mmCIF file of all heavy atoms, coordinates in Angstrom:
data_MODEL
# 
_entry.id   MODEL 
# 
loop_
_atom_site.group_PDB 
_atom_site.id 
_atom_site.type_symbol 
_atom_site.label_atom_id 
_atom_site.label_alt_id 
_atom_site.label_comp_id 
_atom_site.label_asym_id 
_atom_site.label_entity_id 
_atom_site.label_seq_id 
_atom_site.pdbx_PDB_ins_code 
_atom_site.Cartn_x 
_atom_site.Cartn_y 
_atom_site.Cartn_z 
_atom_site.occupancy 
_atom_site.B_iso_or_equiv 
_atom_site.pdbx_formal_charge 
_atom_site.auth_seq_id 
_atom_site.auth_comp_id 
_atom_site.auth_asym_id 
_atom_site.auth_atom_id 
_atom_site.pdbx_PDB_model_num 
ATOM 1   N N   . SER A 1 1  ? 16.473 -33.876 -26.383 1.00 0.00 ? 1  SER A N   1 
ATOM 2   C CA  . SER A 1 1  ? 15.910 -32.586 -26.013 1.00 0.00 ? 1  SER A CA  1 
ATOM 3   C C   . SER A 1 1  ? 16.027 -31.619 -27.180 1.00 0.00 ? 1  SER A C   1 
ATOM 4   O O   . SER A 1 1  ? 16.736 -31.878 -28.148 1.00 0.00 ? 1  SER A O   1 
ATOM 5   C CB  . SER A 1 1  ? 16.637 -32.012 -24.795 1.00 0.00 ? 1  SER A CB  1 
ATOM 6   O OG  . SER A 1 1  ? 17.988 -31.760 -25.121 1.00 0.00 ? 1  SER A OG  1 
ATOM 7   N N   . PHE A 1 2  ? 15.303 -30.503 -27.064 1.00 0.00 ? 2  PHE A N   1 
ATOM 8   C CA  . PHE A 1 2  ? 15.505 -29.398 -27.993 1.00 0.00 ? 2  PHE A CA  1 
ATOM 9   C C   . PHE A 1 2  ? 15.226 -28.085 -27.273 1.00 0.00 ? 2  PHE A C   1 
ATOM 10  O O   . PHE A 1 2  ? 14.532 -28.044 -26.264 1.00 0.00 ? 2  PHE A O   1 
ATOM 11  C CB  . PHE A 1 2  ? 14.678 -29.529 -29.278 1.00 0.00 ? 2  PHE A CB  1 
ATOM 12  C CG  . PHE A 1 2  ? 13.182 -29.426 -29.137 1.00 0.00 ? 2  PHE A CG  1 
ATOM 13  C CD1 . PHE A 1 2  ? 12.544 -28.198 -28.989 1.00 0.00 ? 2  PHE A CD1 1 
ATOM 14  C CD2 . PHE A 1 2  ? 12.401 -30.568 -29.201 1.00 0.00 ? 2  PHE A CD2 1 
ATOM 15  C CE1 . PHE A 1 2  ? 11.163 -28.118 -28.893 1.00 0.00 ? 2  PHE A CE1 1 
ATOM 16  C CE2 . PHE A 1 2  ? 11.021 -30.501 -29.115 1.00 0.00 ? 2  PHE A CE2 1 
ATOM 17  C CZ  . PHE A 1 2  ? 10.399 -29.264 -28.955 1.00 0.00 ? 2  PHE A CZ  1 
ATOM 18  N N   . THR A 1 3  ? 15.828 -27.034 -27.804 1.00 0.00 ? 3  THR A N   1 
ATOM 19  C CA  . THR A 1 3  ? 15.632 -25.679 -27.309 1.00 0.00 ? 3  THR A CA  1 
ATOM 20  C C   . THR A 1 3  ? 15.138 -24.842 -28.475 1.00 0.00 ? 3  THR A C   1 
ATOM 21  O O   . THR A 1 3  ? 15.756 -24.842 -29.540 1.00 0.00 ? 3  THR A O   1 
ATOM 22  C CB  . THR A 1 3  ? 16.950 -25.106 -26.754 1.00 0.00 ? 3  THR A CB  1 
ATOM 23  O OG1 . THR A 1 3  ? 17.419 -25.968 -25.719 1.00 0.00 ? 3  THR A OG1 1 
ATOM 24  C CG2 . THR A 1 3  ? 16.757 -23.711 -26.213 1.00 0.00 ? 3  THR A CG2 1 
ATOM 25  N N   . MET A 1 4  ? 14.012 -24.158 -28.273 1.00 0.00 ? 4  MET A N   1 
ATOM 26  C CA  . MET A 1 4  ? 13.381 -23.402 -29.351 1.00 0.00 ? 4  MET A CA  1 
ATOM 27  C C   . MET A 1 4  ? 13.277 -21.926 -28.969 1.00 0.00 ? 4  MET A C   1 
ATOM 28  O O   . MET A 1 4  ? 12.686 -21.598 -27.938 1.00 0.00 ? 4  MET A O   1 
ATOM 29  C CB  . MET A 1 4  ? 11.978 -23.980 -29.603 1.00 0.00 ? 4  MET A CB  1 
ATOM 30  C CG  . MET A 1 4  ? 11.183 -23.264 -30.661 1.00 0.00 ? 4  MET A CG  1 
ATOM 31  S SD  . MET A 1 4  ? 9.572  -24.036 -30.975 1.00 0.00 ? 4  MET A SD  1 
ATOM 32  C CE  . MET A 1 4  ? 8.660  -23.575 -29.502 1.00 0.00 ? 4  MET A CE  1 
ATOM 33  N N   . PRO A 1 5  ? 13.846 -21.025 -29.775 1.00 0.00 ? 5  PRO A N   1 
ATOM 34  C CA  . PRO A 1 5  ? 13.729 -19.595 -29.466 1.00 0.00 ? 5  PRO A CA  1 
ATOM 35  C C   . PRO A 1 5  ? 12.335 -19.080 -29.785 1.00 0.00 ? 5  PRO A C   1 
ATOM 36  O O   . PRO A 1 5  ? 11.707 -19.493 -30.763 1.00 0.00 ? 5  PRO A O   1 
ATOM 37  C CB  . PRO A 1 5  ? 14.769 -18.956 -30.389 1.00 0.00 ? 5  PRO A CB  1 
ATOM 38  C CG  . PRO A 1 5  ? 14.881 -19.899 -31.539 1.00 0.00 ? 5  PRO A CG  1 
ATOM 39  C CD  . PRO A 1 5  ? 14.620 -21.269 -30.981 1.00 0.00 ? 5  PRO A CD  1 
ATOM 40  N N   . VAL A 1 6  ? 11.845 -18.169 -28.924 1.00 0.00 ? 6  VAL A N   1 
ATOM 41  C CA  . VAL A 1 6  ? 10.527 -17.552 -29.121 1.00 0.00 ? 6  VAL A CA  1 
ATOM 42  C C   . VAL A 1 6  ? 10.669 -16.064 -28.812 1.00 0.00 ? 6  VAL A C   1 
ATOM 43  O O   . VAL A 1 6  ? 11.248 -15.694 -27.797 1.00 0.00 ? 6  VAL A O   1 
ATOM 44  C CB  . VAL A 1 6  ? 9.458  -18.190 -28.204 1.00 0.00 ? 6  VAL A CB  1 
ATOM 45  C CG1 . VAL A 1 6  ? 8.112  -17.521 -28.403 1.00 0.00 ? 6  VAL A CG1 1 
ATOM 46  C CG2 . VAL A 1 6  ? 9.358  -19.688 -28.454 1.00 0.00 ? 6  VAL A CG2 1 
ATOM 47  N N   . ARG A 1 7  ? 10.127 -15.220 -29.697 1.00 0.00 ? 7  ARG A N   1 
ATOM 48  C CA  . ARG A 1 7  ? 10.183 -13.767 -29.499 1.00 0.00 ? 7  ARG A CA  1 
ATOM 49  C C   . ARG A 1 7  ? 8.990  -13.284 -28.669 1.00 0.00 ? 7  ARG A C   1 
ATOM 50  O O   . ARG A 1 7  ? 7.938  -13.917 -28.637 1.00 0.00 ? 7  ARG A O   1 
ATOM 51  C CB  . ARG A 1 7  ? 10.159 -13.051 -30.849 1.00 0.00 ? 7  ARG A CB  1 
ATOM 52  C CG  . ARG A 1 7  ? 11.394 -13.260 -31.670 1.00 0.00 ? 7  ARG A CG  1 
ATOM 53  C CD  . ARG A 1 7  ? 11.298 -12.408 -32.953 1.00 0.00 ? 7  ARG A CD  1 
ATOM 54  N NE  . ARG A 1 7  ? 12.123 -12.993 -33.972 1.00 0.00 ? 7  ARG A NE  1 
ATOM 55  C CZ  . ARG A 1 7  ? 11.671 -13.699 -35.008 1.00 0.00 ? 7  ARG A CZ  1 
ATOM 56  N NH1 . ARG A 1 7  ? 10.402 -13.895 -35.188 1.00 0.00 ? 7  ARG A NH1 1 
ATOM 57  N NH2 . ARG A 1 7  ? 12.522 -14.201 -35.885 1.00 0.00 ? 7  ARG A NH2 1 
ATOM 58  N N   . THR A 1 8  ? 9.145  -12.123 -28.066 1.00 0.00 ? 8  THR A N   1 
ATOM 59  C CA  . THR A 1 8  ? 8.059  -11.494 -27.314 1.00 0.00 ? 8  THR A CA  1 
ATOM 60  C C   . THR A 1 8  ? 6.813  -11.381 -28.192 1.00 0.00 ? 8  THR A C   1 
ATOM 61  O O   . THR A 1 8  ? 6.903  -10.956 -29.348 1.00 0.00 ? 8  THR A O   1 
ATOM 62  C CB  . THR A 1 8  ? 8.478  -10.076 -26.859 1.00 0.00 ? 8  THR A CB  1 
ATOM 63  O OG1 . THR A 1 8  ? 9.646  -10.180 -26.055 1.00 0.00 ? 8  THR A OG1 1 
ATOM 64  C CG2 . THR A 1 8  ? 7.369  -9.394  -26.074 1.00 0.00 ? 8  THR A CG2 1 
ATOM 65  N N   . GLY A 1 9  ? 5.680  -11.798 -27.657 1.00 0.00 ? 9  GLY A N   1 
ATOM 66  C CA  . GLY A 1 9  ? 4.410  -11.694 -28.377 1.00 0.00 ? 9  GLY A CA  1 
ATOM 67  C C   . GLY A 1 9  ? 4.077  -12.883 -29.249 1.00 0.00 ? 9  GLY A C   1 
ATOM 68  O O   . GLY A 1 9  ? 2.934  -13.027 -29.689 1.00 0.00 ? 9  GLY A O   1 
ATOM 69  N N   . GLU A 1 10 ? 5.055  -13.726 -29.537 1.00 0.00 ? 10 GLU A N   1 
ATOM 70  C CA  . GLU A 1 10 ? 4.773  -14.897 -30.374 1.00 0.00 ? 10 GLU A CA  1 
ATOM 71  C C   . GLU A 1 10 ? 4.008  -15.958 -29.580 1.00 0.00 ? 10 GLU A C   1 
ATOM 72  O O   . GLU A 1 10 ? 4.103  -16.032 -28.362 1.00 0.00 ? 10 GLU A O   1 
ATOM 73  C CB  . GLU A 1 10 ? 6.072  -15.520 -30.904 1.00 0.00 ? 10 GLU A CB  1 
ATOM 74  C CG  . GLU A 1 10 ? 6.682  -14.764 -32.040 1.00 0.00 ? 10 GLU A CG  1 
ATOM 75  C CD  . GLU A 1 10 ? 7.836  -15.512 -32.676 1.00 0.00 ? 10 GLU A CD  1 
ATOM 76  O OE1 . GLU A 1 10 ? 8.636  -16.139 -31.953 1.00 0.00 ? 10 GLU A OE1 1 
ATOM 77  O OE2 . GLU A 1 10 ? 7.930  -15.463 -33.905 1.00 0.00 ? 10 GLU A OE2 1 
ATOM 78  N N   . TYR A 1 11 ? 3.269  -16.750 -30.294 1.00 0.00 ? 11 TYR A N   1 
ATOM 79  C CA  . TYR A 1 11 ? 2.572  -17.886 -29.723 1.00 0.00 ? 11 TYR A CA  1 
ATOM 80  C C   . TYR A 1 11 ? 3.415  -19.133 -29.950 1.00 0.00 ? 11 TYR A C   1 
ATOM 81  O O   . TYR A 1 11 ? 4.131  -19.232 -30.955 1.00 0.00 ? 11 TYR A O   1 
ATOM 82  C CB  . TYR A 1 11 ? 1.204  -18.066 -30.387 1.00 0.00 ? 11 TYR A CB  1 
ATOM 83  C CG  . TYR A 1 11 ? 0.262  -16.934 -30.101 1.00 0.00 ? 11 TYR A CG  1 
ATOM 84  C CD1 . TYR A 1 11 ? 0.277  -15.782 -30.878 1.00 0.00 ? 11 TYR A CD1 1 
ATOM 85  C CD2 . TYR A 1 11 ? -0.632 -17.006 -29.035 1.00 0.00 ? 11 TYR A CD2 1 
ATOM 86  C CE1 . TYR A 1 11 ? -0.586 -14.726 -30.615 1.00 0.00 ? 11 TYR A CE1 1 
ATOM 87  C CE2 . TYR A 1 11 ? -1.498 -15.962 -28.763 1.00 0.00 ? 11 TYR A CE2 1 
ATOM 88  C CZ  . TYR A 1 11 ? -1.468 -14.835 -29.553 1.00 0.00 ? 11 TYR A CZ  1 
ATOM 89  O OH  . TYR A 1 11 ? -2.312 -13.798 -29.283 1.00 0.00 ? 11 TYR A OH  1 
ATOM 90  N N   . TRP A 1 12 ? 3.333  -20.092 -29.024 1.00 0.00 ? 12 TRP A N   1 
ATOM 91  C CA  . TRP A 1 12 ? 4.101  -21.321 -29.178 1.00 0.00 ? 12 TRP A CA  1 
ATOM 92  C C   . TRP A 1 12 ? 3.356  -22.502 -28.562 1.00 0.00 ? 12 TRP A C   1 
ATOM 93  O O   . TRP A 1 12 ? 2.501  -22.341 -27.707 1.00 0.00 ? 12 TRP A O   1 
ATOM 94  C CB  . TRP A 1 12 ? 5.502  -21.184 -28.587 1.00 0.00 ? 12 TRP A CB  1 
ATOM 95  C CG  . TRP A 1 12 ? 5.550  -20.913 -27.117 1.00 0.00 ? 12 TRP A CG  1 
ATOM 96  C CD1 . TRP A 1 12 ? 5.532  -19.704 -26.499 1.00 0.00 ? 12 TRP A CD1 1 
ATOM 97  C CD2 . TRP A 1 12 ? 5.631  -21.892 -26.065 1.00 0.00 ? 12 TRP A CD2 1 
ATOM 98  N NE1 . TRP A 1 12 ? 5.594  -19.851 -25.137 1.00 0.00 ? 12 TRP A NE1 1 
ATOM 99  C CE2 . TRP A 1 12 ? 5.655  -21.176 -24.845 1.00 0.00 ? 12 TRP A CE2 1 
ATOM 100 C CE3 . TRP A 1 12 ? 5.690  -23.275 -26.036 1.00 0.00 ? 12 TRP A CE3 1 
ATOM 101 C CZ2 . TRP A 1 12 ? 5.746  -21.824 -23.610 1.00 0.00 ? 12 TRP A CZ2 1 
ATOM 102 C CZ3 . TRP A 1 12 ? 5.768  -23.913 -24.818 1.00 0.00 ? 12 TRP A CZ3 1 
ATOM 103 C CH2 . TRP A 1 12 ? 5.799  -23.194 -23.622 1.00 0.00 ? 12 TRP A CH2 1 
ATOM 104 N N   . ARG A 1 13 ? 3.708  -23.688 -29.049 1.00 0.00 ? 13 ARG A N   1 
ATOM 105 C CA  . ARG A 1 13 ? 3.086  -24.923 -28.560 1.00 0.00 ? 13 ARG A CA  1 
ATOM 106 C C   . ARG A 1 13 ? 4.076  -26.072 -28.738 1.00 0.00 ? 13 ARG A C   1 
ATOM 107 O O   . ARG A 1 13 ? 4.826  -26.121 -29.709 1.00 0.00 ? 13 ARG A O   1 
ATOM 108 C CB  . ARG A 1 13 ? 1.820  -25.224 -29.352 1.00 0.00 ? 13 ARG A CB  1 
ATOM 109 C CG  . ARG A 1 13 ? 1.161  -26.550 -28.982 1.00 0.00 ? 13 ARG A CG  1 
ATOM 110 C CD  . ARG A 1 13 ? -0.041 -26.884 -29.846 1.00 0.00 ? 13 ARG A CD  1 
ATOM 111 N NE  . ARG A 1 13 ? 0.402  -27.053 -31.225 1.00 0.00 ? 13 ARG A NE  1 
ATOM 112 C CZ  . ARG A 1 13 ? -0.268 -26.598 -32.276 1.00 0.00 ? 13 ARG A CZ  1 
ATOM 113 N NH1 . ARG A 1 13 ? -1.391 -25.957 -32.143 1.00 0.00 ? 13 ARG A NH1 1 
ATOM 114 N NH2 . ARG A 1 13 ? 0.207  -26.790 -33.491 1.00 0.00 ? 13 ARG A NH2 1 
ATOM 115 N N   . VAL A 1 14 ? 4.053  -27.001 -27.804 1.00 0.00 ? 14 VAL A N   1 
ATOM 116 C CA  . VAL A 1 14 ? 4.793  -28.253 -27.936 1.00 0.00 ? 14 VAL A CA  1 
ATOM 117 C C   . VAL A 1 14 ? 3.758  -29.360 -28.027 1.00 0.00 ? 14 VAL A C   1 
ATOM 118 O O   . VAL A 1 14 ? 2.872  -29.469 -27.178 1.00 0.00 ? 14 VAL A O   1 
ATOM 119 C CB  . VAL A 1 14 ? 5.724  -28.496 -26.725 1.00 0.00 ? 14 VAL A CB  1 
ATOM 120 C CG1 . VAL A 1 14 ? 6.362  -29.880 -26.808 1.00 0.00 ? 14 VAL A CG1 1 
ATOM 121 C CG2 . VAL A 1 14 ? 6.789  -27.414 -26.649 1.00 0.00 ? 14 VAL A CG2 1 
ATOM 122 N N   . SER A 1 15 ? 3.835  -30.152 -29.079 1.00 0.00 ? 15 SER A N   1 
ATOM 123 C CA  . SER A 1 15 ? 2.916  -31.281 -29.234 1.00 0.00 ? 15 SER A CA  1 
ATOM 124 C C   . SER A 1 15 ? 3.721  -32.573 -29.265 1.00 0.00 ? 15 SER A C   1 
ATOM 125 O O   . SER A 1 15 ? 4.890  -32.588 -29.646 1.00 0.00 ? 15 SER A O   1 
ATOM 126 C CB  . SER A 1 15 ? 2.081  -31.131 -30.505 1.00 0.00 ? 15 SER A CB  1 
ATOM 127 O OG  . SER A 1 15 ? 2.921  -30.974 -31.627 1.00 0.00 ? 15 SER A OG  1 
ATOM 128 N N   . THR A 1 16 ? 3.095  -33.649 -28.834 1.00 0.00 ? 16 THR A N   1 
ATOM 129 C CA  . THR A 1 16 ? 3.766  -34.950 -28.802 1.00 0.00 ? 16 THR A CA  1 
ATOM 130 C C   . THR A 1 16 ? 2.908  -36.001 -29.459 1.00 0.00 ? 16 THR A C   1 
ATOM 131 O O   . THR A 1 16 ? 1.686  -35.877 -29.553 1.00 0.00 ? 16 THR A O   1 
ATOM 132 C CB  . THR A 1 16 ? 4.068  -35.402 -27.359 1.00 0.00 ? 16 THR A CB  1 
ATOM 133 O OG1 . THR A 1 16 ? 2.837  -35.505 -26.643 1.00 0.00 ? 16 THR A OG1 1 
ATOM 134 C CG2 . THR A 1 16 ? 5.000  -34.440 -26.657 1.00 0.00 ? 16 THR A CG2 1 
ATOM 135 N N   . SER A 1 17 ? 3.554  -37.047 -29.918 1.00 0.00 ? 17 SER A N   1 
ATOM 136 C CA  . SER A 1 17 ? 2.848  -38.244 -30.401 1.00 0.00 ? 17 SER A CA  1 
ATOM 137 C C   . SER A 1 17 ? 3.560  -39.456 -29.824 1.00 0.00 ? 17 SER A C   1 
ATOM 138 O O   . SER A 1 17 ? 4.789  -39.551 -29.866 1.00 0.00 ? 17 SER A O   1 
ATOM 139 C CB  . SER A 1 17 ? 2.819  -38.291 -31.924 1.00 0.00 ? 17 SER A CB  1 
ATOM 140 O OG  . SER A 1 17 ? 4.127  -38.342 -32.449 1.00 0.00 ? 17 SER A OG  1 
ATOM 141 N N   . GLN A 1 18 ? 2.788  -40.338 -29.242 1.00 0.00 ? 18 GLN A N   1 
ATOM 142 C CA  . GLN A 1 18 ? 3.311  -41.542 -28.588 1.00 0.00 ? 18 GLN A CA  1 
ATOM 143 C C   . GLN A 1 18 ? 3.069  -42.723 -29.520 1.00 0.00 ? 18 GLN A C   1 
ATOM 144 O O   . GLN A 1 18 ? 1.941  -42.969 -29.917 1.00 0.00 ? 18 GLN A O   1 
ATOM 145 C CB  . GLN A 1 18 ? 2.586  -41.759 -27.260 1.00 0.00 ? 18 GLN A CB  1 
ATOM 146 C CG  . GLN A 1 18 ? 3.083  -42.933 -26.460 1.00 0.00 ? 18 GLN A CG  1 
ATOM 147 C CD  . GLN A 1 18 ? 4.348  -42.603 -25.688 1.00 0.00 ? 18 GLN A CD  1 
ATOM 148 O OE1 . GLN A 1 18 ? 4.435  -41.572 -25.058 1.00 0.00 ? 18 GLN A OE1 1 
ATOM 149 N NE2 . GLN A 1 18 ? 5.304  -43.483 -25.725 1.00 0.00 ? 18 GLN A NE2 1 
ATOM 150 N N   . ASP A 1 19 ? 4.111  -43.429 -29.851 1.00 0.00 ? 19 ASP A N   1 
ATOM 151 C CA  . ASP A 1 19 ? 4.003  -44.605 -30.706 1.00 0.00 ? 19 ASP A CA  1 
ATOM 152 C C   . ASP A 1 19 ? 4.234  -45.862 -29.886 1.00 0.00 ? 19 ASP A C   1 
ATOM 153 O O   . ASP A 1 19 ? 4.707  -45.805 -28.753 1.00 0.00 ? 19 ASP A O   1 
ATOM 154 C CB  . ASP A 1 19 ? 5.045  -44.554 -31.833 1.00 0.00 ? 19 ASP A CB  1 
ATOM 155 C CG  . ASP A 1 19 ? 4.856  -43.367 -32.747 1.00 0.00 ? 19 ASP A CG  1 
ATOM 156 O OD1 . ASP A 1 19 ? 3.696  -42.953 -32.944 1.00 0.00 ? 19 ASP A OD1 1 
ATOM 157 O OD2 . ASP A 1 19 ? 5.854  -42.851 -33.244 1.00 0.00 ? 19 ASP A OD2 1 
ATOM 158 N N   . CYS A 1 20 ? 3.948  -46.995 -30.484 1.00 0.00 ? 20 CYS A N   1 
ATOM 159 C CA  . CYS A 1 20 ? 4.257  -48.286 -29.853 1.00 0.00 ? 20 CYS A CA  1 
ATOM 160 C C   . CYS A 1 20 ? 5.708  -48.649 -30.147 1.00 0.00 ? 20 CYS A C   1 
ATOM 161 O O   . CYS A 1 20 ? 6.325  -48.108 -31.053 1.00 0.00 ? 20 CYS A O   1 
ATOM 162 C CB  . CYS A 1 20 ? 3.342  -49.372 -30.404 1.00 0.00 ? 20 CYS A CB  1 
ATOM 163 S SG  . CYS A 1 20 ? 1.612  -49.102 -30.022 1.00 0.00 ? 20 CYS A SG  1 
ATOM 164 N N   . ASP A 1 21 ? 6.227  -49.589 -29.376 1.00 0.00 ? 21 ASP A N   1 
ATOM 165 C CA  . ASP A 1 21 ? 7.580  -50.058 -29.659 1.00 0.00 ? 21 ASP A CA  1 
ATOM 166 C C   . ASP A 1 21 ? 7.546  -50.974 -30.883 1.00 0.00 ? 21 ASP A C   1 
ATOM 167 O O   . ASP A 1 21 ? 6.494  -51.197 -31.488 1.00 0.00 ? 21 ASP A O   1 
ATOM 168 C CB  . ASP A 1 21 ? 8.192  -50.740 -28.437 1.00 0.00 ? 21 ASP A CB  1 
ATOM 169 C CG  . ASP A 1 21 ? 7.522  -52.053 -28.089 1.00 0.00 ? 21 ASP A CG  1 
ATOM 170 O OD1 . ASP A 1 21 ? 6.603  -52.479 -28.819 1.00 0.00 ? 21 ASP A OD1 1 
ATOM 171 O OD2 . ASP A 1 21 ? 7.904  -52.658 -27.084 1.00 0.00 ? 21 ASP A OD2 1 
ATOM 172 N N   . ALA A 1 22 ? 8.680  -51.515 -31.256 1.00 0.00 ? 22 ALA A N   1 
ATOM 173 C CA  . ALA A 1 22 ? 8.778  -52.351 -32.457 1.00 0.00 ? 22 ALA A CA  1 
ATOM 174 C C   . ALA A 1 22 ? 7.914  -53.605 -32.362 1.00 0.00 ? 22 ALA A C   1 
ATOM 175 O O   . ALA A 1 22 ? 7.521  -54.167 -33.379 1.00 0.00 ? 22 ALA A O   1 
ATOM 176 C CB  . ALA A 1 22 ? 10.229 -52.730 -32.715 1.00 0.00 ? 22 ALA A CB  1 
ATOM 177 N N   . SER A 1 23 ? 7.583  -54.034 -31.148 1.00 0.00 ? 23 SER A N   1 
ATOM 178 C CA  . SER A 1 23 ? 6.737  -55.217 -30.956 1.00 0.00 ? 23 SER A CA  1 
ATOM 179 C C   . SER A 1 23 ? 5.255  -54.858 -30.890 1.00 0.00 ? 23 SER A C   1 
ATOM 180 O O   . SER A 1 23 ? 4.413  -55.729 -30.706 1.00 0.00 ? 23 SER A O   1 
ATOM 181 C CB  . SER A 1 23 ? 7.128  -55.939 -29.665 1.00 0.00 ? 23 SER A CB  1 
ATOM 182 O OG  . SER A 1 23 ? 8.496  -56.268 -29.689 1.00 0.00 ? 23 SER A OG  1 
ATOM 183 N N   . GLY A 1 24 ? 4.907  -53.577 -30.997 1.00 0.00 ? 24 GLY A N   1 
ATOM 184 C CA  . GLY A 1 24 ? 3.517  -53.159 -30.954 1.00 0.00 ? 24 GLY A CA  1 
ATOM 185 C C   . GLY A 1 24 ? 2.989  -52.870 -29.564 1.00 0.00 ? 24 GLY A C   1 
ATOM 186 O O   . GLY A 1 24 ? 1.794  -52.689 -29.370 1.00 0.00 ? 24 GLY A O   1 
ATOM 187 N N   . ASN A 1 25 ? 3.871  -52.835 -28.560 1.00 0.00 ? 25 ASN A N   1 
ATOM 188 C CA  . ASN A 1 25 ? 3.455  -52.562 -27.186 1.00 0.00 ? 25 ASN A CA  1 
ATOM 189 C C   . ASN A 1 25 ? 3.511  -51.063 -26.901 1.00 0.00 ? 25 ASN A C   1 
ATOM 190 O O   . ASN A 1 25 ? 4.514  -50.432 -27.184 1.00 0.00 ? 25 ASN A O   1 
ATOM 191 C CB  . ASN A 1 25 ? 4.369  -53.293 -26.196 1.00 0.00 ? 25 ASN A CB  1 
ATOM 192 C CG  . ASN A 1 25 ? 4.377  -54.784 -26.441 1.00 0.00 ? 25 ASN A CG  1 
ATOM 193 O OD1 . ASN A 1 25 ? 3.325  -55.399 -26.520 1.00 0.00 ? 25 ASN A OD1 1 
ATOM 194 N ND2 . ASN A 1 25 ? 5.564  -55.346 -26.596 1.00 0.00 ? 25 ASN A ND2 1 
ATOM 195 N N   . PRO A 1 26 ? 2.440  -50.501 -26.303 1.00 0.00 ? 26 PRO A N   1 
ATOM 196 C CA  . PRO A 1 26 ? 2.468  -49.081 -25.974 1.00 0.00 ? 26 PRO A CA  1 
ATOM 197 C C   . PRO A 1 26 ? 3.389  -48.808 -24.790 1.00 0.00 ? 26 PRO A C   1 
ATOM 198 O O   . PRO A 1 26 ? 3.608  -49.675 -23.950 1.00 0.00 ? 26 PRO A O   1 
ATOM 199 C CB  . PRO A 1 26 ? 1.018  -48.764 -25.613 1.00 0.00 ? 26 PRO A CB  1 
ATOM 200 C CG  . PRO A 1 26 ? 0.468  -50.063 -25.137 1.00 0.00 ? 26 PRO A CG  1 
ATOM 201 C CD  . PRO A 1 26 ? 1.193  -51.138 -25.915 1.00 0.00 ? 26 PRO A CD  1 
ATOM 202 N N   . GLY A 1 27 ? 3.925  -47.629 -24.725 1.00 0.00 ? 27 GLY A N   1 
ATOM 203 C CA  . GLY A 1 27 ? 4.774  -47.223 -23.612 1.00 0.00 ? 27 GLY A CA  1 
ATOM 204 C C   . GLY A 1 27 ? 4.409  -45.819 -23.180 1.00 0.00 ? 27 GLY A C   1 
ATOM 205 O O   . GLY A 1 27 ? 3.507  -45.212 -23.740 1.00 0.00 ? 27 GLY A O   1 
ATOM 206 N N   . GLN A 1 28 ? 5.093  -45.304 -22.214 1.00 0.00 ? 28 GLN A N   1 
ATOM 207 C CA  . GLN A 1 28 ? 4.815  -43.953 -21.742 1.00 0.00 ? 28 GLN A CA  1 
ATOM 208 C C   . GLN A 1 28 ? 6.127  -43.251 -21.425 1.00 0.00 ? 28 GLN A C   1 
ATOM 209 O O   . GLN A 1 28 ? 6.600  -43.299 -20.300 1.00 0.00 ? 28 GLN A O   1 
ATOM 210 C CB  . GLN A 1 28 ? 3.905  -43.984 -20.512 1.00 0.00 ? 28 GLN A CB  1 
ATOM 211 C CG  . GLN A 1 28 ? 3.400  -42.627 -20.092 1.00 0.00 ? 28 GLN A CG  1 
ATOM 212 C CD  . GLN A 1 28 ? 2.566  -41.952 -21.184 1.00 0.00 ? 28 GLN A CD  1 
ATOM 213 O OE1 . GLN A 1 28 ? 1.790  -42.598 -21.867 1.00 0.00 ? 28 GLN A OE1 1 
ATOM 214 N NE2 . GLN A 1 28 ? 2.752  -40.665 -21.354 1.00 0.00 ? 28 GLN A NE2 1 
ATOM 215 N N   . ALA A 1 29 ? 6.721  -42.616 -22.421 1.00 0.00 ? 29 ALA A N   1 
ATOM 216 C CA  . ALA A 1 29 ? 7.957  -41.867 -22.210 1.00 0.00 ? 29 ALA A CA  1 
ATOM 217 C C   . ALA A 1 29 ? 7.635  -40.563 -21.484 1.00 0.00 ? 29 ALA A C   1 
ATOM 218 O O   . ALA A 1 29 ? 6.530  -40.035 -21.575 1.00 0.00 ? 29 ALA A O   1 
ATOM 219 C CB  . ALA A 1 29 ? 8.627  -41.573 -23.546 1.00 0.00 ? 29 ALA A CB  1 
# 
């Protein structure tokens, strides 16, 4: 996990990227 401080009026976004496991199989965390 992470906690990110944001001030009043600021814009924010969380983006993700999903990779395959070491065997090349996709997953869904």
